[in-house]
Amino acid sequence: MRTIDRTLDLGPATPSLSLTARMMLAFVNVASIWRAIRNRREIHYLNELNDAQLRDIGLTRQDLDAALTTSTFFEDPSSHLTNSARRCTRPSAFSFRG
């Protein structure tokens, strides 16, 4: 008669998050959603500016529309506007006016 030893390898156990860690994670997620909603509302305020005022801050109406349409409701659209403003101002920063 033969006996075969079998072992079950479960690997290292992953510790569960503590209550404090779970609460902090939930707080960070809620704060992120709140920031995205607040920035979305601010973009609507930017839409009230005229074209010359938008140009002064390096944006166009198309940038505002694209920021709102390319991001989902819970994503922060402000990063799109930041990138658009940087692209718009970069060529003028290196041009010589003399």
PDB file of N, CA and C in Angstrom:
ATOM      1  N   MET A   1       0.827  -1.152   0.000  1.00  0.00           N
ATOM      2  CA  MET A   1       0.000   0.000   0.000  1.00  0.00           C
ATOM      3  C   MET A   1       0.889   1.239   0.000  1.00  0.00           C
ATOM      4  N   ARG A   2       0.533   2.213  -0.852  1.00  0.00           N
ATOM      5  CA  ARG A   2       1.310   3.449  -0.972  1.00  0.00           C
ATOM      6  C   ARG A   2       0.527   4.620  -0.419  1.00  0.00           C
ATOM      7  N   THR A   3       1.242   5.492   0.189  1.00  0.00           N
ATOM      8  CA  THR A   3       0.627   6.727   0.682  1.00  0.00           C
ATOM      9  C   THR A   3       1.244   7.884  -0.088  1.00  0.00           C
ATOM     10  N   ILE A   4       0.395   8.730  -0.629  1.00  0.00           N
ATOM     11  CA  ILE A   4       0.877   9.901  -1.374  1.00  0.00           C
ATOM     12  C   ILE A   4       0.542  11.151  -0.571  1.00  0.00           C
ATOM     13  N   ASP A   5       1.570  11.871  -0.262  1.00  0.00           N
ATOM     14  CA  ASP A   5       1.348  13.127   0.464  1.00  0.00           C
ATOM     15  C   ASP A   5       1.008  14.222  -0.539  1.00  0.00           C
ATOM     16  N   ARG A   6      -0.046  14.889  -0.280  1.00  0.00           N
ATOM     17  CA  ARG A   6      -0.435  16.014  -1.136  1.00  0.00           C
ATOM     18  C   ARG A   6      -0.499  17.270  -0.272  1.00  0.00           C
ATOM     19  N   THR A   7       0.081  18.309  -0.808  1.00  0.00           N
ATOM     20  CA  THR A   7       0.020  19.587  -0.105  1.00  0.00           C
ATOM     21  C   THR A   7      -0.651  20.607  -1.010  1.00  0.00           C
ATOM     22  N   LEU A   8      -1.311  21.484  -0.406  1.00  0.00           N
ATOM     23  CA  LEU A   8      -1.990  22.546  -1.139  1.00  0.00           C
ATOM     24  C   LEU A   8      -1.242  23.846  -0.864  1.00  0.00           C
ATOM     25  N   ASP A   9      -0.673  24.403  -1.924  1.00  0.00           N
ATOM     26  CA  ASP A   9       0.094  25.636  -1.793  1.00  0.00           C
ATOM     27  C   ASP A   9      -0.837  26.818  -2.029  1.00  0.00           C
ATOM     28  N   LEU A  10      -1.115  27.552  -0.980  1.00  0.00           N
ATOM     29  CA  LEU A  10      -2.011  28.695  -1.097  1.00  0.00           C
ATOM     30  C   LEU A  10      -1.268  29.999  -1.371  1.00  0.00           C
ATOM     31  N   GLY A  11      -0.004  30.006  -1.210  1.00  0.00           N
ATOM     32  CA  GLY A  11       0.765  31.219  -1.425  1.00  0.00           C
ATOM     33  C   GLY A  11       0.654  32.140  -0.224  1.00  0.00           C
ATOM     34  N   PRO A  12       1.309  33.281  -0.307  1.00  0.00           N
ATOM     35  CA  PRO A  12       1.265  34.208   0.832  1.00  0.00           C
ATOM     36  C   PRO A  12      -0.137  34.806   0.969  1.00  0.00           C
ATOM     37  N   ALA A  13      -0.584  34.902   2.182  1.00  0.00           N
ATOM     38  CA  ALA A  13      -1.900  35.482   2.432  1.00  0.00           C
ATOM     39  C   ALA A  13      -1.816  36.995   2.312  1.00  0.00           C
ATOM     40  N   THR A  14      -2.795  37.575   1.661  1.00  0.00           N
ATOM     41  CA  THR A  14      -2.825  39.019   1.541  1.00  0.00           C
ATOM     42  C   THR A  14      -3.638  39.570   2.702  1.00  0.00           C
ATOM     43  N   PRO A  15      -3.049  40.468   3.447  1.00  0.00           N
ATOM     44  CA  PRO A  15      -3.780  41.007   4.597  1.00  0.00           C
ATOM     45  C   PRO A  15      -4.912  41.915   4.136  1.00  0.00           C
ATOM     46  N   SER A  16      -6.016  41.854   4.828  1.00  0.00           N
ATOM     47  CA  SER A  16      -7.122  42.729   4.479  1.00  0.00           C
ATOM     48  C   SER A  16      -6.839  44.117   5.032  1.00  0.00           C
ATOM     49  N   LEU A  17      -7.460  45.111   4.430  1.00  0.00           N
ATOM     50  CA  LEU A  17      -7.250  46.486   4.858  1.00  0.00           C
ATOM     51  C   LEU A  17      -7.944  46.735   6.189  1.00  0.00           C
ATOM     52  N   SER A  18      -7.332  47.540   6.992  1.00  0.00           N
ATOM     53  CA  SER A  18      -7.946  47.889   8.268  1.00  0.00           C
ATOM     54  C   SER A  18      -9.118  48.838   8.022  1.00  0.00           C
ATOM     55  N   LEU A  19      -9.910  49.037   9.019  1.00  0.00           N
ATOM     56  CA  LEU A  19     -11.060  49.933   8.891  1.00  0.00           C
ATOM     57  C   LEU A  19     -10.612  51.348   8.565  1.00  0.00           C
ATOM     58  N   THR A  20      -9.537  51.781   9.180  1.00  0.00           N
ATOM     59  CA  THR A  20      -9.026  53.127   8.920  1.00  0.00           C
ATOM     60  C   THR A  20      -8.568  53.266   7.476  1.00  0.00           C
ATOM     61  N   ALA A  21      -7.878  52.264   6.958  1.00  0.00           N
ATOM     62  CA  ALA A  21      -7.410  52.305   5.576  1.00  0.00           C
ATOM     63  C   ALA A  21      -8.582  52.304   4.600  1.00  0.00           C
ATOM     64  N   ARG A  22      -9.604  51.510   4.900  1.00  0.00           N
ATOM     65  CA  ARG A  22     -10.785  51.498   4.026  1.00  0.00           C
ATOM     66  C   ARG A  22     -11.516  52.828   4.058  1.00  0.00           C
ATOM     67  N   MET A  23     -11.595  53.449   5.236  1.00  0.00           N
ATOM     68  CA  MET A  23     -12.243  54.759   5.353  1.00  0.00           C
ATOM     69  C   MET A  23     -11.462  55.822   4.585  1.00  0.00           C
ATOM     70  N   MET A  24     -10.139  55.777   4.680  1.00  0.00           N
ATOM     71  CA  MET A  24      -9.312  56.741   3.947  1.00  0.00           C
ATOM     72  C   MET A  24      -9.448  56.550   2.443  1.00  0.00           C
ATOM     73  N   LEU A  25      -9.502  55.306   1.999  1.00  0.00           N
ATOM     74  CA  LEU A  25      -9.679  55.028   0.584  1.00  0.00           C
ATOM     75  C   LEU A  25     -11.030  55.553   0.094  1.00  0.00           C
ATOM     76  N   ALA A  26     -12.066  55.353   0.880  1.00  0.00           N
ATOM     77  CA  ALA A  26     -13.390  55.865   0.520  1.00  0.00           C
ATOM     78  C   ALA A  26     -13.385  57.391   0.486  1.00  0.00           C
ATOM     79  N   PHE A  27     -12.711  58.016   1.456  1.00  0.00           N
ATOM     80  CA  PHE A  27     -12.631  59.474   1.497  1.00  0.00           C
ATOM     81  C   PHE A  27     -11.897  60.017   0.277  1.00  0.00           C
ATOM     82  N   VAL A  28     -10.813  59.372  -0.101  1.00  0.00           N
ATOM     83  CA  VAL A  28     -10.045  59.815  -1.276  1.00  0.00           C
ATOM     84  C   VAL A  28     -10.901  59.702  -2.537  1.00  0.00           C
ATOM     85  N   ASN A  29     -11.655  58.628  -2.668  1.00  0.00           N
ATOM     86  CA  ASN A  29     -12.520  58.465  -3.837  1.00  0.00           C
ATOM     87  C   ASN A  29     -13.618  59.520  -3.882  1.00  0.00           C
ATOM     88  N   VAL A  30     -14.242  59.794  -2.751  1.00  0.00           N
ATOM     89  CA  VAL A  30     -15.299  60.811  -2.712  1.00  0.00           C
ATOM     90  C   VAL A  30     -14.712  62.189  -2.991  1.00  0.00           C
ATOM     91  N   ALA A  31     -13.548  62.480  -2.439  1.00  0.00           N
ATOM     92  CA  ALA A  31     -12.908  63.769  -2.686  1.00  0.00           C
ATOM     93  C   ALA A  31     -12.545  63.932  -4.158  1.00  0.00           C
ATOM     94  N   SER A  32     -12.116  62.870  -4.794  1.00  0.00           N
ATOM     95  CA  SER A  32     -11.776  62.915  -6.215  1.00  0.00           C
ATOM     96  C   SER A  32     -13.013  63.196  -7.065  1.00  0.00           C
ATOM     97  N   ILE A  33     -14.106  62.552  -6.741  1.00  0.00           N
ATOM     98  CA  ILE A  33     -15.352  62.784  -7.489  1.00  0.00           C
ATOM     99  C   ILE A  33     -15.843  64.206  -7.256  1.00  0.00           C
ATOM    100  N   TRP A  34     -15.766  64.677  -6.018  1.00  0.00           N
ATOM    101  CA  TRP A  34     -16.196  66.041  -5.701  1.00  0.00           C
ATOM    102  C   TRP A  34     -15.345  67.067  -6.461  1.00  0.00           C
ATOM    103  N   ARG A  35     -14.027  66.843  -6.537  1.00  0.00           N
ATOM    104  CA  ARG A  35     -13.139  67.740  -7.267  1.00  0.00           C
ATOM    105  C   ARG A  35     -13.484  67.767  -8.749  1.00  0.00           C
ATOM    106  N   ALA A  36     -13.792  66.611  -9.321  1.00  0.00           N
ATOM    107  CA  ALA A  36     -14.153  66.550 -10.738  1.00  0.00           C
ATOM    108  C   ALA A  36     -15.443  67.313 -11.005  1.00  0.00           C
ATOM    109  N   ILE A  37     -16.415  67.170 -10.122  1.00  0.00           N
ATOM    110  CA  ILE A  37     -17.687  67.882 -10.307  1.00  0.00           C
ATOM    111  C   ILE A  37     -17.471  69.391 -10.157  1.00  0.00           C
ATOM    112  N   ARG A  38     -16.681  69.789  -9.170  1.00  0.00           N
ATOM    113  CA  ARG A  38     -16.398  71.209  -8.974  1.00  0.00           C
ATOM    114  C   ARG A  38     -15.663  71.800 -10.173  1.00  0.00           C
ATOM    115  N   ASN A  39     -14.677  71.091 -10.709  1.00  0.00           N
ATOM    116  CA  ASN A  39     -13.939  71.594 -11.871  1.00  0.00           C
ATOM    117  C   ASN A  39     -14.812  71.635 -13.117  1.00  0.00           C
ATOM    118  N   ARG A  40     -15.732  70.706 -13.240  1.00  0.00           N
ATOM    119  CA  ARG A  40     -16.674  70.717 -14.357  1.00  0.00           C
ATOM    120  C   ARG A  40     -17.557  71.967 -14.279  1.00  0.00           C
ATOM    121  N   ARG A  41     -17.986  72.332 -13.069  1.00  0.00           N
ATOM    122  CA  ARG A  41     -18.789  73.536 -12.882  1.00  0.00           C
ATOM    123  C   ARG A  41     -17.970  74.783 -13.217  1.00  0.00           C
ATOM    124  N   GLU A  42     -16.692  74.798 -12.856  1.00  0.00           N
ATOM    125  CA  GLU A  42     -15.825  75.931 -13.168  1.00  0.00           C
ATOM    126  C   GLU A  42     -15.639  76.098 -14.674  1.00  0.00           C
ATOM    127  N   ILE A  43     -15.609  75.000 -15.405  1.00  0.00           N
ATOM    128  CA  ILE A  43     -15.497  75.089 -16.865  1.00  0.00           C
ATOM    129  C   ILE A  43     -16.735  75.761 -17.440  1.00  0.00           C
ATOM    130  N   HIS A  44     -17.879  75.510 -16.858  1.00  0.00           N
ATOM    131  CA  HIS A  44     -19.096  76.193 -17.309  1.00  0.00           C
ATOM    132  C   HIS A  44     -18.987  77.696 -17.049  1.00  0.00           C
ATOM    133  N   TYR A  45     -18.350  78.094 -15.958  1.00  0.00           N
ATOM    134  CA  TYR A  45     -18.114  79.517 -15.703  1.00  0.00           C
ATOM    135  C   TYR A  45     -17.139  80.100 -16.720  1.00  0.00           C
ATOM    136  N   LEU A  46     -16.139  79.326 -17.106  1.00  0.00           N
ATOM    137  CA  LEU A  46     -15.199  79.795 -18.136  1.00  0.00           C
ATOM    138  C   LEU A  46     -15.910  80.024 -19.469  1.00  0.00           C
ATOM    139  N   ASN A  47     -16.962  79.276 -19.719  1.00  0.00           N
ATOM    140  CA  ASN A  47     -17.725  79.438 -20.950  1.00  0.00           C
ATOM    141  C   ASN A  47     -18.387  80.804 -21.038  1.00  0.00           C
ATOM    142  N   GLU A  48     -18.547  81.484 -19.909  1.00  0.00           N
ATOM    143  CA  GLU A  48     -19.160  82.808 -19.894  1.00  0.00           C
ATOM    144  C   GLU A  48     -18.181  83.907 -20.307  1.00  0.00           C
ATOM    145  N   LEU A  49     -16.886  83.605 -20.332  1.00  0.00           N
ATOM    146  CA  LEU A  49     -15.891  84.588 -20.763  1.00  0.00           C
ATOM    147  C   LEU A  49     -15.975  84.784 -22.268  1.00  0.00           C
ATOM    148  N   ASN A  50     -15.551  85.968 -22.731  1.00  0.00           N
ATOM    149  CA  ASN A  50     -15.527  86.170 -24.181  1.00  0.00           C
ATOM    150  C   ASN A  50     -14.240  85.576 -24.757  1.00  0.00           C
ATOM    151  N   ASP A  51     -14.144  85.554 -26.076  1.00  0.00           N
ATOM    152  CA  ASP A  51     -13.013  84.884 -26.738  1.00  0.00           C
ATOM    153  C   ASP A  51     -11.673  85.535 -26.412  1.00  0.00           C
ATOM    154  N   ALA A  52     -11.656  86.867 -26.272  1.00  0.00           N
ATOM    155  CA  ALA A  52     -10.392  87.548 -25.955  1.00  0.00           C
ATOM    156  C   ALA A  52      -9.922  87.169 -24.551  1.00  0.00           C
ATOM    157  N   GLN A  53     -10.834  87.071 -23.610  1.00  0.00           N
ATOM    158  CA  GLN A  53     -10.459  86.679 -22.257  1.00  0.00           C
ATOM    159  C   GLN A  53      -9.959  85.238 -22.219  1.00  0.00           C
ATOM    160  N   LEU A  54     -10.595  84.364 -22.986  1.00  0.00           N
ATOM    161  CA  LEU A  54     -10.124  82.977 -23.057  1.00  0.00           C
ATOM    162  C   LEU A  54      -8.735  82.904 -23.675  1.00  0.00           C
ATOM    163  N   ARG A  55      -8.493  83.718 -24.705  1.00  0.00           N
ATOM    164  CA  ARG A  55      -7.170  83.738 -25.343  1.00  0.00           C
ATOM    165  C   ARG A  55      -6.105  84.194 -24.358  1.00  0.00           C
ATOM    166  N   ASP A  56      -6.466  85.124 -23.465  1.00  0.00           N
ATOM    167  CA  ASP A  56      -5.500  85.615 -22.474  1.00  0.00           C
ATOM    168  C   ASP A  56      -5.021  84.507 -21.545  1.00  0.00           C
ATOM    169  N   ILE A  57      -5.869  83.551 -21.264  1.00  0.00           N
ATOM    170  CA  ILE A  57      -5.450  82.445 -20.400  1.00  0.00           C
ATOM    171  C   ILE A  57      -5.036  81.224 -21.208  1.00  0.00           C
ATOM    172  N   GLY A  58      -4.964  81.381 -22.528  1.00  0.00           N
ATOM    173  CA  GLY A  58      -4.437  80.323 -23.382  1.00  0.00           C
ATOM    174  C   GLY A  58      -5.440  79.251 -23.757  1.00  0.00           C
ATOM    175  N   LEU A  59      -6.736  79.596 -23.781  1.00  0.00           N
ATOM    176  CA  LEU A  59      -7.767  78.614 -24.116  1.00  0.00           C
ATOM    177  C   LEU A  59      -8.662  79.120 -25.235  1.00  0.00           C
ATOM    178  N   THR A  60      -9.369  78.209 -25.843  1.00  0.00           N
ATOM    179  CA  THR A  60     -10.386  78.544 -26.836  1.00  0.00           C
ATOM    180  C   THR A  60     -11.695  77.868 -26.434  1.00  0.00           C
ATOM    181  N   ARG A  61     -12.769  78.248 -27.092  1.00  0.00           N
ATOM    182  CA  ARG A  61     -14.059  77.601 -26.818  1.00  0.00           C
ATOM    183  C   ARG A  61     -14.004  76.113 -27.165  1.00  0.00           C
ATOM    184  N   GLN A  62     -13.251  75.775 -28.192  1.00  0.00           N
ATOM    185  CA  GLN A  62     -13.121  74.377 -28.578  1.00  0.00           C
ATOM    186  C   GLN A  62     -12.430  73.578 -27.482  1.00  0.00           C
ATOM    187  N   ASP A  63     -11.468  74.192 -26.795  1.00  0.00           N
ATOM    188  CA  ASP A  63     -10.796  73.519 -25.682  1.00  0.00           C
ATOM    189  C   ASP A  63     -11.783  73.219 -24.562  1.00  0.00           C
ATOM    190  N   LEU A  64     -12.650  74.182 -24.252  1.00  0.00           N
ATOM    191  CA  LEU A  64     -13.650  73.980 -23.201  1.00  0.00           C
ATOM    192  C   LEU A  64     -14.615  72.863 -23.571  1.00  0.00           C
ATOM    193  N   ASP A  65     -15.097  72.897 -24.830  1.00  0.00           N
ATOM    194  CA  ASP A  65     -16.028  71.858 -25.270  1.00  0.00           C
ATOM    195  C   ASP A  65     -15.369  70.486 -25.281  1.00  0.00           C
ATOM    196  N   ALA A  66     -14.114  70.438 -25.742  1.00  0.00           N
ATOM    197  CA  ALA A  66     -13.410  69.157 -25.798  1.00  0.00           C
ATOM    198  C   ALA A  66     -13.167  68.604 -24.395  1.00  0.00           C
ATOM    199  N   ALA A  67     -12.868  69.478 -23.427  1.00  0.00           N
ATOM    200  CA  ALA A  67     -12.629  69.016 -22.054  1.00  0.00           C
ATOM    201  C   ALA A  67     -13.891  68.397 -21.476  1.00  0.00           C
ATOM    202  N   LEU A  68     -15.039  68.981 -21.784  1.00  0.00           N
ATOM    203  CA  LEU A  68     -16.287  68.449 -21.245  1.00  0.00           C
ATOM    204  C   LEU A  68     -16.743  67.173 -21.955  1.00  0.00           C
ATOM    205  N   THR A  69     -16.481  67.083 -23.245  1.00  0.00           N
ATOM    206  CA  THR A  69     -16.984  65.922 -23.995  1.00  0.00           C
ATOM    207  C   THR A  69     -16.051  64.712 -23.941  1.00  0.00           C
ATOM    208  N   THR A  70     -14.752  64.934 -23.768  1.00  0.00           N
ATOM    209  CA  THR A  70     -13.831  63.791 -23.782  1.00  0.00           C
ATOM    210  C   THR A  70     -13.711  63.114 -22.429  1.00  0.00           C
ATOM    211  N   SER A  71     -14.105  63.796 -21.364  1.00  0.00           N
ATOM    212  CA  SER A  71     -14.015  63.182 -20.041  1.00  0.00           C
ATOM    213  C   SER A  71     -15.395  62.690 -19.612  1.00  0.00           C
ATOM    214  N   THR A  72     -15.387  61.570 -18.909  1.00  0.00           N
ATOM    215  CA  THR A  72     -16.655  61.067 -18.399  1.00  0.00           C
ATOM    216  C   THR A  72     -17.085  61.927 -17.217  1.00  0.00           C
ATOM    217  N   PHE A  73     -18.274  61.673 -16.701  1.00  0.00           N
ATOM    218  CA  PHE A  73     -18.832  62.529 -15.655  1.00  0.00           C
ATOM    219  C   PHE A  73     -17.969  62.543 -14.406  1.00  0.00           C
ATOM    220  N   PHE A  74     -17.347  61.432 -14.055  1.00  0.00           N
ATOM    221  CA  PHE A  74     -16.569  61.355 -12.830  1.00  0.00           C
ATOM    222  C   PHE A  74     -15.085  61.641 -13.037  1.00  0.00           C
ATOM    223  N   GLU A  75     -14.663  61.911 -14.255  1.00  0.00           N
ATOM    224  CA  GLU A  75     -13.267  62.265 -14.518  1.00  0.00           C
ATOM    225  C   GLU A  75     -13.089  63.771 -14.418  1.00  0.00           C
ATOM    226  N   ASP A  76     -11.915  64.183 -14.030  1.00  0.00           N
ATOM    227  CA  ASP A  76     -11.612  65.603 -13.881  1.00  0.00           C
ATOM    228  C   ASP A  76     -11.193  66.180 -15.239  1.00  0.00           C
ATOM    229  N   PRO A  77     -11.978  67.103 -15.806  1.00  0.00           N
ATOM    230  CA  PRO A  77     -11.648  67.651 -17.126  1.00  0.00           C
ATOM    231  C   PRO A  77     -10.577  68.736 -17.083  1.00  0.00           C
ATOM    232  N   SER A  78     -10.156  69.149 -15.901  1.00  0.00           N
ATOM    233  CA  SER A  78      -9.198  70.249 -15.817  1.00  0.00           C
ATOM    234  C   SER A  78      -7.829  69.886 -16.383  1.00  0.00           C
ATOM    235  N   SER A  79      -7.448  68.621 -16.334  1.00  0.00           N
ATOM    236  CA  SER A  79      -6.146  68.237 -16.894  1.00  0.00           C
ATOM    237  C   SER A  79      -6.120  68.467 -18.403  1.00  0.00           C
ATOM    238  N   HIS A  80      -7.256  68.257 -19.052  1.00  0.00           N
ATOM    239  CA  HIS A  80      -7.331  68.516 -20.499  1.00  0.00           C
ATOM    240  C   HIS A  80      -7.122  70.005 -20.775  1.00  0.00           C
ATOM    241  N   LEU A  81      -7.735  70.867 -19.962  1.00  0.00           N
ATOM    242  CA  LEU A  81      -7.571  72.310 -20.151  1.00  0.00           C
ATOM    243  C   LEU A  81      -6.145  72.752 -19.866  1.00  0.00           C
ATOM    244  N   THR A  82      -5.522  72.171 -18.873  1.00  0.00           N
ATOM    245  CA  THR A  82      -4.135  72.503 -18.556  1.00  0.00           C
ATOM    246  C   THR A  82      -3.226  72.164 -19.731  1.00  0.00           C
ATOM    247  N   ASN A  83      -3.413  70.988 -20.306  1.00  0.00           N
ATOM    248  CA  ASN A  83      -2.598  70.587 -21.457  1.00  0.00           C
ATOM    249  C   ASN A  83      -2.863  71.488 -22.654  1.00  0.00           C
ATOM    250  N   SER A  84      -4.112  71.878 -22.876  1.00  0.00           N
ATOM    251  CA  SER A  84      -4.450  72.761 -23.997  1.00  0.00           C
ATOM    252  C   SER A  84      -3.807  74.130 -23.818  1.00  0.00           C
ATOM    253  N   ALA A  85      -3.861  74.669 -22.616  1.00  0.00           N
ATOM    254  CA  ALA A  85      -3.259  75.979 -22.359  1.00  0.00           C
ATOM    255  C   ALA A  85      -1.747  75.929 -22.518  1.00  0.00           C
ATOM    256  N   ARG A  86      -1.128  74.847 -22.086  1.00  0.00           N
ATOM    257  CA  ARG A  86       0.328  74.715 -22.243  1.00  0.00           C
ATOM    258  C   ARG A  86       0.719  74.622 -23.711  1.00  0.00           C
ATOM    259  N   ARG A  87      -0.065  73.863 -24.494  1.00  0.00           N
ATOM    260  CA  ARG A  87       0.227  73.772 -25.930  1.00  0.00           C
ATOM    261  C   ARG A  87       0.074  75.122 -26.603  1.00  0.00           C
ATOM    262  N   CYS A  88      -0.894  75.893 -26.179  1.00  0.00           N
ATOM    263  CA  CYS A  88      -1.158  77.183 -26.798  1.00  0.00           C
ATOM    264  C   CYS A  88      -0.086  78.208 -26.447  1.00  0.00           C
ATOM    265  N   THR A  89       0.415  78.200 -25.224  1.00  0.00           N
ATOM    266  CA  THR A  89       1.379  79.213 -24.797  1.00  0.00           C
ATOM    267  C   THR A  89       2.818  78.844 -25.102  1.00  0.00           C
ATOM    268  N   ARG A  90       3.106  77.587 -25.320  1.00  0.00           N
ATOM    269  CA  ARG A  90       4.492  77.168 -25.538  1.00  0.00           C
ATOM    270  C   ARG A  90       5.143  77.855 -26.747  1.00  0.00           C
ATOM    271  N   PRO A  91       4.498  77.919 -27.928  1.00  0.00           N
ATOM    272  CA  PRO A  91       5.180  78.566 -29.048  1.00  0.00           C
ATOM    273  C   PRO A  91       5.417  80.053 -28.800  1.00  0.00           C
ATOM    274  N   SER A  92       4.485  80.737 -28.123  1.00  0.00           N
ATOM    275  CA  SER A  92       4.668  82.177 -27.914  1.00  0.00           C
ATOM    276  C   SER A  92       5.741  82.464 -26.870  1.00  0.00           C
ATOM    277  N   ALA A  93       6.016  81.553 -25.993  1.00  0.00           N
ATOM    278  CA  ALA A  93       7.023  81.763 -24.958  1.00  0.00           C
ATOM    279  C   ALA A  93       8.430  81.824 -25.557  1.00  0.00           C
ATOM    280  N   PHE A  94       8.645  81.166 -26.697  1.00  0.00           N
ATOM    281  CA  PHE A  94       9.966  81.129 -27.299  1.00  0.00           C
ATOM    282  C   PHE A  94      10.097  82.055 -28.495  1.00  0.00           C
ATOM    283  N   SER A  95       9.058  82.787 -28.819  1.00  0.00           N
ATOM    284  CA  SER A  95       9.145  83.682 -29.975  1.00  0.00           C
ATOM    285  C   SER A  95       9.777  85.008 -29.544  1.00  0.00           C
ATOM    286  N   PHE A  96      10.528  85.610 -30.456  1.00  0.00           N
ATOM    287  CA  PHE A  96      11.208  86.856 -30.175  1.00  0.00           C
ATOM    288  C   PHE A  96      10.397  88.003 -30.729  1.00  0.00           C
ATOM    289  N   ARG A  97      10.115  88.952 -29.842  1.00  0.00           N
ATOM    290  CA  ARG A  97       9.379  90.157 -30.268  1.00  0.00           C
ATOM    291  C   ARG A  97      10.248  91.352 -29.987  1.00  0.00           C
ATOM    292  N   GLY A  98      10.828  91.887 -30.978  1.00  0.00           N
ATOM    293  CA  GLY A  98      11.735  92.985 -30.706  1.00  0.00           C
ATOM    294  C   GLY A  98      11.695  93.967 -31.726  1.00  0.00           C
TER     295      GLY A  98
END
